[in-house]
Amino acid sequence: MVYLTRKMEFSASHLYHNPAFSAEENRRVFGKCNNPHGHGHNYVLEVTVAGETDPATGMVLDLKELKDIMQREVSDRMDHRFLNHEVPELSGQIPTCENIAAVIWRLLESKIRRGQLYRVRLYETPDLFVDCYGEASGASALRGAAR
């Protein structure tokens, strides 16, 4: 088994806000992340695909195809967007690093035709990231998050 990882960057803004909370509770729980005008990040996304190498190409999958999928499904959808309002897949969710990674997993999983999506790692900052290993019992299986 070989694990191939491709990295890309995108920039986006978001805010953490739970409409079920009072304004005071939102400020207490989410702090500066509850700024009503949002705040931005330069996200770094790593997508890992697991599989056997094709004897004819020596690759797990076509690297250009993976780059194109990531561009179409993530960058075109999320780059330079206000995630709360411009990304329908995040509608009704607080766009935390955890929720964004789970959405990215769902966007990519069915598009990868050779090998299998193994991990989505999303860095919100250089020292904060989340790993998503797919769906488990209907909920995101998140492992190894650094806070």
Protein backbone atom coordinates (compact mmCIF):
# COMPACT_ATOMS: atom_id res chain seq x y z
CA MET A 1 0.00 0.00 0.00
CA VAL A 2 1.27 3.46 -0.95
CA TYR A 3 0.02 6.74 0.52
CA LEU A 4 0.22 9.70 -1.84
CA THR A 5 -0.40 13.23 -0.54
CA ARG A 6 -1.04 16.37 -2.52
CA LYS A 7 -1.08 19.83 -0.92
CA MET A 8 -2.88 23.02 -1.91
CA GLU A 9 -3.65 26.35 -0.30
CA PHE A 10 -6.75 28.50 -0.28
CA SER A 11 -7.82 31.62 1.57
CA ALA A 12 -11.24 32.11 3.09
CA SER A 13 -13.05 33.96 5.84
CA HIS A 14 -15.59 32.75 8.36
CA LEU A 15 -17.10 33.43 11.73
CA TYR A 16 -18.19 31.16 14.52
CA HIS A 17 -21.76 31.85 15.56
CA ASN A 18 -24.46 29.61 16.97
CA PRO A 19 -27.92 31.17 16.49
CA ALA A 20 -29.18 29.17 19.48
CA PHE A 21 -26.76 31.09 21.75
CA SER A 22 -27.26 34.62 23.04
CA ALA A 23 -24.88 37.32 21.80
CA GLU A 24 -23.06 37.13 25.14
CA GLU A 25 -22.77 33.34 25.01
CA ASN A 26 -21.47 33.46 21.42
CA ARG A 27 -18.79 35.95 22.50
CA ARG A 28 -17.90 33.84 25.54
CA VAL A 29 -17.72 30.53 23.67
CA PHE A 30 -16.15 31.70 20.41
CA GLY A 31 -14.23 34.83 21.47
CA LYS A 32 -12.67 36.78 18.61
CA CYS A 33 -13.87 34.10 16.18
CA ASN A 34 -17.38 35.52 16.72
CA ASN A 35 -16.51 38.85 15.07
CA PRO A 36 -19.68 39.57 13.01
CA HIS A 37 -17.54 40.72 10.08
CA GLY A 38 -15.60 37.45 10.14
CA HIS A 39 -11.90 36.82 9.98
CA GLY A 40 -9.72 35.01 7.47
CA HIS A 41 -7.19 32.22 7.19
CA ASN A 42 -4.74 30.95 4.63
CA TYR A 43 -5.71 27.29 4.80
CA VAL A 44 -3.37 24.49 3.76
CA LEU A 45 -5.09 21.32 2.61
CA GLU A 46 -3.38 17.94 2.31
CA VAL A 47 -5.27 15.13 0.61
CA THR A 48 -3.89 11.60 0.98
CA VAL A 49 -4.91 8.77 -1.33
CA ALA A 50 -4.03 5.16 -0.53
CA GLY A 51 -3.59 2.47 -3.14
CA GLU A 52 -1.33 0.18 -5.07
CA THR A 53 0.89 1.58 -7.79
CA ASP A 54 -0.16 0.87 -11.34
CA PRO A 55 2.60 -1.24 -12.93
CA ALA A 56 2.17 0.62 -16.23
CA THR A 57 2.50 4.15 -14.78
CA GLY A 58 4.20 3.65 -11.42
CA MET A 59 1.52 5.90 -9.86
CA VAL A 60 -1.30 5.35 -7.39
CA LEU A 61 -3.36 7.74 -9.51
CA ASP A 62 -2.84 10.44 -12.10
CA LEU A 63 -1.44 13.42 -10.16
CA LYS A 64 -2.96 15.95 -12.58
CA GLU A 65 -6.37 14.36 -12.06
CA LEU A 66 -6.01 14.70 -8.27
CA LYS A 67 -4.91 18.33 -8.65
CA ASP A 68 -7.87 19.06 -10.93
CA ILE A 69 -10.32 17.41 -8.50
CA MET A 70 -8.95 19.43 -5.58
CA GLN A 71 -9.10 22.62 -7.64
CA ARG A 72 -12.67 22.04 -8.79
CA GLU A 73 -14.15 20.66 -5.57
CA VAL A 74 -12.30 22.77 -2.99
CA SER A 75 -10.49 25.80 -4.39
CA ASP A 76 -13.16 26.85 -6.88
CA ARG A 77 -15.79 26.46 -4.15
CA MET A 78 -13.97 27.93 -1.13
CA ASP A 79 -11.03 30.12 -2.19
CA HIS A 80 -11.60 33.79 -1.35
CA ARG A 81 -15.11 33.06 -0.07
CA PHE A 82 -16.96 33.86 3.14
CA LEU A 83 -17.58 30.25 4.13
CA ASN A 84 -20.69 30.97 6.22
CA HIS A 85 -22.55 32.58 3.34
CA GLU A 86 -20.98 31.45 0.06
CA VAL A 87 -20.42 27.70 0.47
CA PRO A 88 -23.76 25.84 0.41
CA GLU A 89 -22.19 22.65 1.78
CA LEU A 90 -21.43 24.52 5.03
CA SER A 91 -24.92 25.99 5.35
CA GLY A 92 -26.30 25.50 8.84
CA GLN A 93 -22.89 24.52 10.24
CA ILE A 94 -20.33 26.48 12.20
CA PRO A 95 -17.38 26.51 9.78
CA THR A 96 -14.79 25.16 12.19
CA CYS A 97 -11.69 23.47 10.86
CA GLU A 98 -13.34 20.15 11.83
CA ASN A 99 -16.55 20.83 9.87
CA ILE A 100 -14.68 22.19 6.84
CA ALA A 101 -12.46 19.08 6.71
CA ALA A 102 -15.52 16.79 6.90
CA VAL A 103 -17.19 18.71 4.05
CA ILE A 104 -14.02 18.46 1.96
CA TRP A 105 -13.95 14.70 2.58
CA ARG A 106 -17.51 14.37 1.30
CA LEU A 107 -16.73 16.52 -1.75
CA LEU A 108 -13.66 14.49 -2.71
CA GLU A 109 -14.47 10.90 -1.77
CA SER A 110 -16.65 9.97 -4.75
CA LYS A 111 -14.47 11.87 -7.23
CA ILE A 112 -11.31 9.81 -6.65
CA ARG A 113 -11.58 6.87 -9.03
CA ARG A 114 -8.20 5.23 -8.54
CA GLY A 115 -7.01 4.43 -5.05
CA GLN A 116 -9.05 5.42 -2.04
CA LEU A 117 -9.28 8.67 -0.15
CA TYR A 118 -7.40 8.00 3.07
CA ARG A 119 -7.04 11.33 4.85
CA VAL A 120 -7.98 14.98 4.57
CA ARG A 121 -5.70 17.19 6.68
CA LEU A 122 -6.66 20.84 6.93
CA TYR A 123 -4.39 23.45 8.53
CA GLU A 124 -6.15 26.59 9.70
CA THR A 125 -2.88 28.01 11.00
CA PRO A 126 0.63 26.52 11.04
CA ASP A 127 0.02 25.10 14.52
CA LEU A 128 -3.65 24.09 14.24
CA PHE A 129 -4.87 21.31 11.99
CA VAL A 130 -7.46 18.57 11.85
CA ASP A 131 -7.33 15.14 10.24
CA CYS A 132 -10.50 13.64 8.82
CA TYR A 133 -10.60 9.93 8.00
CA GLY A 134 -14.12 9.84 6.60
CA GLU A 135 -17.49 8.82 7.83
CA ALA A 136 -17.90 6.55 10.84
CA SER A 137 -21.39 5.78 12.15
CA GLY A 138 -22.81 8.81 10.36
CA ALA A 139 -20.42 11.29 11.96
CA SER A 140 -17.03 12.58 10.96
CA ALA A 141 -14.18 10.49 12.27
CA LEU A 142 -11.67 13.07 13.37
CA ARG A 143 -8.26 12.03 14.63
CA GLY A 144 -5.09 13.81 15.64
CA ALA A 145 -6.40 17.37 15.83
CA ALA A 146 -3.91 19.80 17.27
CA ARG A 147 -5.33 22.75 19.22
